[in-house]
Protein backbone atom coordinates (compact mmCIF):
# COMPACT_ATOMS: atom_id res chain seq x y z
CA MET A 1 52.38 -36.58 61.29
CA ILE A 2 53.77 -33.04 61.58
CA PHE A 3 54.53 -33.15 57.88
CA CYS A 4 50.97 -34.06 57.03
CA ILE A 5 49.60 -31.24 59.16
CA LYS A 6 51.82 -28.81 57.33
CA ILE A 7 50.60 -30.07 53.99
CA ASN A 8 46.98 -29.75 55.10
CA ASN A 9 47.59 -26.22 56.33
CA TYR A 10 49.18 -25.33 53.03
CA CYS A 11 46.23 -26.77 51.08
CA GLN A 12 43.78 -24.89 53.26
CA ARG A 13 45.60 -21.61 52.70
CA ASN A 14 45.74 -22.33 48.95
CA LYS A 15 41.99 -22.93 48.80
CA ILE A 16 41.34 -19.66 50.55
CA PHE A 17 43.66 -17.87 48.16
CA LEU A 18 42.00 -19.40 45.08
CA LEU A 19 38.52 -18.61 46.39
CA THR A 20 39.54 -15.02 47.10
CA LEU A 21 41.08 -14.72 43.65
CA PHE A 22 37.93 -16.11 42.03
CA LEU A 23 35.73 -13.69 43.94
CA LEU A 24 37.99 -10.79 42.96
CA ILE A 25 37.79 -11.82 39.30
CA ILE A 26 34.00 -11.99 39.48
CA LEU A 27 33.90 -8.64 41.26
CA PHE A 28 36.15 -6.98 38.69
CA TYR A 29 34.17 -8.55 35.85
CA PHE A 30 30.87 -7.18 37.08
CA MET A 31 32.42 -3.85 37.95
CA GLY A 32 33.37 -3.60 34.28
CA CYS A 33 30.20 -5.24 32.95
CA GLY A 34 27.84 -2.37 33.72
CA PRO A 35 29.88 0.40 32.16
CA ASN A 36 30.76 -1.70 29.10
CA LYS A 37 27.18 -2.84 28.61
CA ASN A 38 25.86 0.71 28.91
CA LYS A 39 28.54 1.97 26.55
CA TYR A 40 27.32 -0.37 23.82
CA ILE A 41 23.65 0.34 24.57
CA ASP A 42 24.29 4.07 24.24
CA ARG A 43 26.22 3.47 21.05
CA GLY A 44 23.40 1.37 19.63
CA ASN A 45 20.85 4.02 20.54
CA ARG A 46 22.90 6.71 18.78
CA TYR A 47 23.22 4.55 15.67
CA TYR A 48 19.48 3.87 15.73
CA LYS A 49 18.62 7.58 15.90
CA LYS A 50 20.81 8.11 12.84
CA ASN A 51 18.99 5.21 11.10
CA ASN A 52 22.27 3.30 10.96
CA LEU A 53 20.46 0.08 11.79
CA ASN A 54 23.18 -2.47 11.04
CA ASP A 55 25.67 -0.77 13.35
CA ALA A 56 22.97 -0.35 15.98
CA ILE A 57 22.31 -4.10 15.91
CA LYS A 58 26.05 -4.83 16.19
CA ALA A 59 26.29 -2.56 19.22
CA TYR A 60 23.32 -4.26 20.90
CA ASN A 61 24.90 -7.65 20.15
CA LYS A 62 28.01 -6.58 22.06
CA ALA A 63 25.91 -5.26 24.93
CA LEU A 64 24.21 -8.66 25.20
CA MET A 65 27.61 -10.33 25.56
CA PHE A 66 27.98 -8.48 28.87
CA ASP A 67 24.41 -9.11 30.02
CA PRO A 68 22.25 -11.61 28.12
CA THR A 69 19.40 -11.12 30.64
CA ASP A 70 18.71 -7.44 29.93
CA GLU A 71 15.25 -7.22 28.34
CA GLU A 72 15.83 -3.62 27.31
CA ILE A 73 18.64 -4.64 24.96
CA TYR A 74 16.43 -7.26 23.31
CA PHE A 75 13.71 -4.65 22.94
CA ASN A 76 16.10 -2.14 21.36
CA ARG A 77 17.57 -4.71 19.01
CA GLY A 78 14.08 -5.95 18.10
CA THR A 79 13.03 -2.39 17.31
CA SER A 80 16.09 -2.04 15.06
CA TYR A 81 15.18 -5.26 13.24
CA PHE A 82 11.59 -4.03 12.93
CA THR A 83 12.67 -0.71 11.44
CA LYS A 84 14.93 -2.62 9.06
CA GLY A 85 11.97 -4.73 7.93
CA ASP A 86 13.31 -7.99 9.39
CA PHE A 87 10.11 -8.85 11.21
CA ASP A 88 10.99 -12.46 12.09
CA ARG A 89 14.09 -11.42 14.02
CA ALA A 90 12.14 -8.55 15.56
CA ILE A 91 9.50 -10.99 16.83
CA ALA A 92 12.21 -13.26 18.26
CA ASP A 93 13.77 -10.37 20.19
CA PHE A 94 10.47 -8.99 21.48
CA THR A 95 9.56 -12.51 22.61
CA LYS A 96 12.83 -12.76 24.58
CA ALA A 97 12.10 -9.39 26.14
CA ILE A 98 8.63 -10.60 27.16
CA VAL A 99 10.05 -13.78 28.68
CA LEU A 100 12.46 -11.69 30.74
CA ASN A 101 9.75 -9.14 31.61
CA PRO A 102 6.19 -10.45 31.16
CA SER A 103 4.77 -7.03 32.04
CA SER A 104 6.56 -5.20 29.21
CA VAL A 105 3.76 -3.30 27.50
CA LYS A 106 6.02 -1.92 24.79
CA SER A 107 7.38 -5.37 23.90
CA TYR A 108 3.87 -6.76 23.45
CA ASN A 109 2.93 -3.69 21.41
CA ASN A 110 5.96 -3.91 19.13
CA ARG A 111 5.63 -7.65 18.68
CA GLY A 112 2.03 -6.96 17.67
CA LEU A 113 3.26 -4.42 15.13
CA SER A 114 5.63 -7.04 13.73
CA TRP A 115 2.84 -9.60 13.41
CA TYR A 116 0.73 -6.91 11.72
CA LYS A 117 3.47 -6.26 9.16
CA LYS A 118 3.50 -10.00 8.43
CA LYS A 119 -0.32 -9.86 8.03
CA LYS A 120 -0.75 -12.19 11.00
CA TYR A 121 -3.59 -10.08 12.29
CA ASP A 122 -4.94 -12.47 14.93
CA LEU A 123 -1.51 -12.73 16.54
CA ALA A 124 -1.18 -8.95 16.40
CA ILE A 125 -4.59 -8.55 18.06
CA TYR A 126 -3.57 -10.96 20.82
CA ASP A 127 -0.42 -8.98 21.58
CA TYR A 128 -2.19 -5.61 21.57
CA ARG A 129 -4.78 -6.96 23.98
CA GLN A 130 -2.04 -8.32 26.24
CA ALA A 131 -0.48 -4.85 26.29
CA LEU A 132 -3.86 -3.34 27.21
CA ASN A 133 -4.41 -5.92 29.96
CA ILE A 134 -1.19 -4.66 31.53
CA ASN A 135 -1.86 -0.97 30.86
CA PRO A 136 -5.46 -0.08 29.92
CA GLN A 137 -4.37 3.54 29.34
CA PHE A 138 -1.90 2.72 26.56
CA SER A 139 -3.46 4.65 23.67
CA TYR A 140 -1.00 3.33 21.08
CA ALA A 141 -2.19 -0.23 21.62
CA TYR A 142 -5.83 0.81 21.12
CA ASN A 143 -4.89 2.54 17.86
CA ASN A 144 -2.86 -0.43 16.67
CA LEU A 145 -5.66 -2.79 17.64
CA GLY A 146 -7.97 -0.64 15.54
CA ASP A 147 -5.61 -1.03 12.58
CA ALA A 148 -5.50 -4.82 12.94
CA LEU A 149 -9.28 -5.12 13.23
CA ALA A 150 -9.71 -2.87 10.19
CA ALA A 151 -7.33 -5.11 8.26
CA LYS A 152 -9.71 -7.97 9.05
CA LYS A 153 -12.61 -5.79 7.84
CA GLU A 154 -14.05 -5.69 11.36
CA TYR A 155 -14.71 -1.99 10.96
CA THR A 156 -17.23 -1.49 13.76
CA GLN A 157 -14.83 -2.96 16.30
CA SER A 158 -11.94 -1.00 14.85
CA ILE A 159 -13.92 2.25 15.28
CA ILE A 160 -14.55 1.37 18.94
CA ASN A 161 -10.82 0.94 19.57
CA TYR A 162 -9.82 4.11 17.70
CA SER A 163 -12.37 5.95 19.84
CA LYS A 164 -10.85 4.51 23.03
CA ALA A 165 -7.44 5.71 21.89
CA LEU A 166 -8.91 9.17 21.39
CA GLU A 167 -10.55 9.18 24.82
CA ILE A 168 -7.05 8.77 26.28
CA ASN A 169 -5.33 11.11 23.82
CA PRO A 170 -7.73 13.52 22.07
CA LYS A 171 -4.89 14.82 19.86
CA TYR A 172 -3.88 11.43 18.46
CA PHE A 173 -4.13 12.25 14.75
CA GLU A 174 -3.34 8.69 13.59
CA ALA A 175 -6.42 7.46 15.48
CA TYR A 176 -8.62 10.06 13.78
CA TYR A 177 -7.17 9.04 10.44
CA GLY A 178 -7.67 5.32 11.10
CA ARG A 179 -11.21 5.88 12.33
CA GLY A 180 -11.86 7.96 9.22
CA LEU A 181 -10.74 5.08 7.01
CA SER A 182 -13.00 2.64 8.86
CA ASN A 183 -15.96 5.01 8.68
CA HIS A 184 -15.33 5.38 4.96
CA SER A 185 -15.24 1.61 4.55
CA ILE A 186 -18.74 1.27 6.01
CA GLU A 187 -19.93 4.26 3.94
CA ASN A 188 -20.23 6.67 6.85
CA TYR A 189 -18.82 9.40 4.63
CA ASP A 190 -19.86 12.35 6.80
CA LEU A 191 -18.11 10.86 9.83
CA ALA A 192 -15.11 9.95 7.68
CA ILE A 193 -14.83 13.54 6.45
CA LYS A 194 -15.08 14.81 10.02
CA ASP A 195 -12.28 12.49 11.17
CA PHE A 196 -10.04 13.29 8.21
CA SER A 197 -10.60 17.00 8.82
CA THR A 198 -9.56 16.69 12.47
CA ALA A 199 -6.48 14.70 11.50
CA ILE A 200 -5.57 17.36 8.92
CA ASN A 201 -5.90 20.08 11.57
CA LEU A 202 -3.71 18.16 14.01
CA LYS A 203 -1.00 17.09 11.56
CA ASP A 204 0.90 19.58 9.43
CA ASN A 205 1.35 18.76 5.74
CA PHE A 206 -0.90 15.70 5.98
CA ALA A 207 -1.17 15.04 2.25
CA ILE A 208 -2.69 11.59 2.58
CA GLY A 209 -5.41 13.01 4.84
CA TYR A 210 -6.43 15.44 2.10
CA ALA A 211 -6.35 12.63 -0.45
CA HIS A 212 -8.66 10.39 1.56
CA ARG A 213 -11.01 13.25 2.36
CA ALA A 214 -11.16 13.90 -1.39
CA VAL A 215 -12.27 10.31 -1.95
CA ALA A 216 -15.04 10.78 0.63
CA TRP A 217 -16.13 14.05 -1.01
CA THR A 218 -16.28 12.19 -4.34
CA LYS A 219 -18.55 9.55 -2.80
CA LYS A 220 -20.86 12.35 -1.67
CA ARG A 221 -20.75 13.83 -5.20
CA LYS A 222 -19.05 16.99 -3.91
CA ILE A 223 -16.71 17.04 -6.88
CA ASP A 224 -15.39 20.59 -6.48
CA LYS A 225 -14.46 19.90 -2.85
CA ALA A 226 -12.76 16.68 -3.92
CA ILE A 227 -10.75 18.51 -6.58
CA ASP A 228 -9.71 21.15 -4.04
CA ASP A 229 -8.49 18.47 -1.63
CA TYR A 230 -6.57 16.58 -4.31
CA GLN A 231 -4.89 19.80 -5.40
CA GLU A 232 -3.92 20.56 -1.81
CA ALA A 233 -2.48 17.05 -1.48
CA ILE A 234 -0.36 17.67 -4.59
CA LYS A 235 0.93 20.94 -3.14
CA LEU A 236 2.08 19.05 -0.07
CA ASN A 237 3.40 16.05 -1.99
CA PRO A 238 4.17 16.78 -5.66
CA LEU A 239 5.03 13.10 -6.23
CA PHE A 240 1.70 11.71 -5.02
CA PHE A 241 1.00 9.34 -7.93
CA LYS A 242 -2.47 8.17 -6.92
CA VAL A 243 -3.71 11.72 -6.42
CA TYR A 244 -2.78 12.70 -9.98
CA VAL A 245 -4.61 9.62 -11.24
CA ASN A 246 -7.77 10.29 -9.23
CA LEU A 247 -7.71 13.97 -10.10
CA GLY A 248 -7.35 13.04 -13.77
CA HIS A 249 -10.43 10.82 -13.47
CA LEU A 250 -12.47 13.64 -11.96
CA TRP A 251 -11.49 16.09 -14.68
CA PHE A 252 -12.26 13.48 -17.36
CA ASP A 253 -15.36 11.74 -16.06
CA GLU A 254 -17.03 14.40 -13.93
CA LYS A 255 -15.97 17.74 -15.42
CA GLY A 256 -15.28 16.81 -19.03
CA ASN A 257 -12.10 18.89 -18.90
CA LEU A 258 -9.88 16.83 -21.18
CA ASP A 259 -6.89 19.16 -21.03
CA ASN A 260 -6.75 18.99 -17.22
CA ALA A 261 -7.28 15.23 -17.33
CA ILE A 262 -4.42 14.78 -19.80
CA SER A 263 -2.19 17.06 -17.72
CA ASN A 264 -2.77 15.03 -14.55
CA TYR A 265 -2.36 11.68 -16.30
CA THR A 266 0.91 12.98 -17.76
CA GLU A 267 2.19 13.91 -14.29
CA ALA A 268 1.27 10.41 -13.08
CA ILE A 269 3.18 8.83 -15.99
CA ILE A 270 6.26 10.91 -15.16
CA ILE A 271 6.16 9.55 -11.60
CA ASP A 272 5.47 5.94 -12.60
CA PRO A 273 5.89 5.17 -16.31
CA SER A 274 5.20 1.47 -15.70
CA ASP A 275 1.48 1.78 -14.91
CA VAL A 276 -0.51 0.51 -17.88
CA SER A 277 -3.83 2.00 -16.78
CA ILE A 278 -2.56 5.59 -16.92
CA TYR A 279 -1.45 5.27 -20.55
CA ALA A 280 -4.86 3.77 -21.26
CA ASN A 281 -6.67 6.60 -19.49
CA ARG A 282 -4.63 9.29 -21.20
CA GLY A 283 -5.18 7.51 -24.51
CA ASP A 284 -8.94 7.66 -23.91
CA ALA A 285 -8.71 11.38 -23.16
CA PHE A 286 -6.64 12.03 -26.29
CA TYR A 287 -9.18 10.08 -28.34
CA GLN A 288 -12.08 12.07 -26.93
CA LYS A 289 -10.17 15.26 -27.73
CA GLY A 290 -9.66 14.14 -31.33
CA LYS A 291 -5.89 13.69 -30.97
CA ILE A 292 -5.90 10.29 -32.63
CA GLN A 293 -2.18 9.78 -33.11
CA GLU A 294 -1.50 10.64 -29.47
CA ALA A 295 -4.19 8.16 -28.44
CA ILE A 296 -2.67 5.45 -30.64
CA ASP A 297 0.78 6.12 -29.18
CA ASP A 298 -0.51 5.81 -25.63
CA TYR A 299 -2.37 2.59 -26.37
CA TYR A 300 0.76 1.07 -27.89
CA SER A 301 2.76 2.19 -24.84
CA ALA A 302 0.20 0.47 -22.63
CA LEU A 303 0.44 -2.75 -24.66
CA GLU A 304 4.21 -2.77 -24.30
CA ILE A 305 3.66 -3.00 -20.57
CA ASN A 306 0.74 -5.42 -20.71
CA PRO A 307 -0.16 -6.95 -24.11
CA ASN A 308 -3.29 -8.53 -22.62
CA ASN A 309 -5.10 -5.47 -21.34
CA VAL A 310 -8.52 -6.08 -22.84
CA ASN A 311 -9.68 -2.47 -22.87
CA VAL A 312 -6.51 -1.23 -24.56
CA CYS A 313 -6.65 -4.01 -27.14
CA ASN A 314 -10.28 -3.22 -27.86
CA ASN A 315 -9.90 0.58 -28.01
CA LEU A 316 -6.82 0.51 -30.21
CA ALA A 317 -8.44 -2.05 -32.52
CA TRP A 318 -11.47 0.19 -32.84
CA ILE A 319 -9.39 3.15 -33.94
CA LEU A 320 -7.35 1.07 -36.40
CA ALA A 321 -10.56 -0.36 -37.88
CA THR A 322 -12.92 2.59 -37.95
CA SER A 323 -10.96 5.87 -38.10
CA ASN A 324 -12.24 8.23 -40.79
CA LYS A 325 -8.61 9.02 -41.62
CA GLU A 326 -6.99 6.42 -43.79
CA GLU A 327 -3.53 7.06 -42.34
CA TYR A 328 -4.64 5.62 -39.00
CA ARG A 329 -6.40 2.53 -40.30
CA LYS A 330 -4.58 -0.80 -40.15
CA GLY A 331 -7.12 -3.56 -40.70
CA LEU A 332 -4.96 -6.62 -40.10
CA LYS A 333 -3.56 -5.20 -36.86
CA ALA A 334 -7.11 -4.31 -35.84
CA VAL A 335 -8.23 -7.92 -36.38
CA GLU A 336 -5.25 -9.22 -34.37
CA LEU A 337 -5.99 -6.95 -31.42
CA ALA A 338 -9.76 -7.48 -31.57
CA LEU A 339 -9.37 -11.26 -31.59
CA ARG A 340 -7.13 -10.97 -28.51
CA ALA A 341 -9.71 -8.77 -26.79
CA VAL A 342 -12.54 -11.22 -27.55
CA LYS A 343 -10.44 -14.11 -26.26
CA LEU A 344 -9.81 -12.19 -23.05
CA ASN A 345 -13.42 -11.04 -22.66
CA PRO A 346 -16.08 -11.96 -25.25
CA SER A 347 -18.42 -9.04 -24.47
CA GLN A 348 -20.80 -7.14 -26.74
CA PHE A 349 -18.18 -4.38 -27.04
CA THR A 350 -15.25 -6.57 -28.03
CA LEU A 351 -17.45 -8.50 -30.47
CA SER A 352 -18.58 -5.21 -32.04
CA THR A 353 -14.95 -4.15 -32.45
CA LEU A 354 -14.05 -7.49 -33.99
CA SER A 355 -16.89 -7.14 -36.47
CA ALA A 356 -15.62 -3.66 -37.46
CA ALA A 357 -12.09 -5.02 -37.86
CA TYR A 358 -13.26 -7.80 -40.19
CA ALA A 359 -15.30 -5.28 -42.18
CA GLU A 360 -12.18 -3.13 -42.59
CA ILE A 361 -10.35 -6.02 -44.34
CA GLY A 362 -13.40 -6.89 -46.43
CA LYS A 363 -14.58 -10.00 -44.57
CA PHE A 364 -18.18 -8.90 -44.26
CA ASP A 365 -19.57 -12.35 -43.51
CA TYR A 366 -17.48 -12.42 -40.32
CA ALA A 367 -18.44 -8.83 -39.61
CA ILE A 368 -22.15 -9.72 -39.86
CA LYS A 369 -21.64 -12.79 -37.67
CA TYR A 370 -19.99 -10.93 -34.79
CA ILE A 371 -22.19 -7.84 -34.86
CA ALA A 372 -25.20 -10.16 -34.65
CA GLN A 373 -23.69 -11.63 -31.48
CA SER A 374 -23.27 -8.11 -30.08
CA ILE A 375 -26.94 -7.36 -30.76
CA GLU A 376 -28.00 -10.62 -29.13
CA SER A 377 -25.94 -10.02 -25.97
CA SER A 378 -26.92 -6.37 -25.43
CA GLU A 379 -29.89 -5.15 -23.39
CA ASN A 380 -29.29 -1.44 -23.97
CA LYS A 381 -31.67 -0.03 -26.58
CA ASN A 382 -29.32 2.75 -27.67
CA GLN A 383 -26.47 0.31 -28.02
CA ILE A 384 -28.62 -2.14 -29.97
CA GLN A 385 -29.64 0.69 -32.32
CA LYS A 386 -25.98 1.47 -33.00
CA TYR A 387 -25.19 -2.20 -33.61
CA ASN A 388 -28.09 -2.42 -36.08
CA GLU A 389 -26.67 0.57 -37.94
CA GLN A 390 -23.33 -1.21 -38.16
CA LEU A 391 -25.10 -4.36 -39.36
CA LYS A 392 -26.68 -2.44 -42.27
CA TYR A 393 -23.27 -1.19 -43.33
CA TYR A 394 -21.80 -4.69 -43.32
CA GLN A 395 -24.82 -6.13 -45.18
CA ASN A 396 -24.09 -3.50 -47.87
CA SER A 397 -20.39 -4.45 -47.86
CA LYS A 398 -19.33 -1.19 -46.28
CA PRO A 399 -16.88 -0.80 -43.38
CA TRP A 400 -17.90 1.25 -40.39
CA ARG A 401 -16.44 4.73 -39.91
CA GLU A 402 -16.40 6.89 -36.83
């Protein structure tokens, strides 16, 4: 009996010792957890600021090992995934942050941004509205909601939300810019210009603001103002491809300044030599300027990129069939290109070119056939008159010359 009591006393003391030891282990663990977790959070934040996203994510992963219930870590890691362009993982992390903290405005906002990047605009709109339900003064969510509504072409509603963002933060240049884009989309060009101008005043070196204001000036037929804005955009961003293209169009189509048009198209080609339309445009300008070989070279360059560009096929075929300089004429190649153009788009213009190509190789019956189709399909009196002149040439077994 005494023996049993001793054993029981020993067991009781052992239980107390084990419980104390367990509590001490837990205490020491959590005493170390906070500092270690914060160390890795701080490390992740430093990596993120340096745009070292992979190491930032690794640091946040280690922080989560110490505390898998910290919504801030999920938010930080989700933001790193977002910046990296991994929107699915970003959404997963922002969702975990929201589960842990349903009132996290920034998590709803950033998950909305992730949905927006995936073009899931309704889901983005839902998240932005959730953020605004929690904090109706969160201007970023109003701006982002405006972006999502604009992406759905709900421009009136997008303008309302940009305006709400600006009521909260009157110096929010992105909201002025977004509202300007929406106003432009519904042809409120004066309001668009006003918004772009305010954004330009608020944001230094805002090249894209100048570029979009130039587009609005063009719509209002203020061509000189548009040219000035495009040139300012180029000063701020010398590699702004689209600006060179648009500026080239203005010099060509509106001002008739072929040298300036060619210069701007050339700058665009230097930036992006894979764009077929710029070779085509510069080829047109060279042709208008009488630089036939340069035009031919540009059209061939365009066809190397896209052999089925109907306008390039047609324009090059026209030169090869009708040039008044024998060195440029290549009848068989003209027929090949003109047939391709007609197959792609059997219009009065491509049919006229095909007729000229057949005339160049002496097949006047085909030339008469296709020019007759051009006459039949045209409603423009001046164009019909030109086609009739071509028809007379072919009826007299003569090729057409430009």
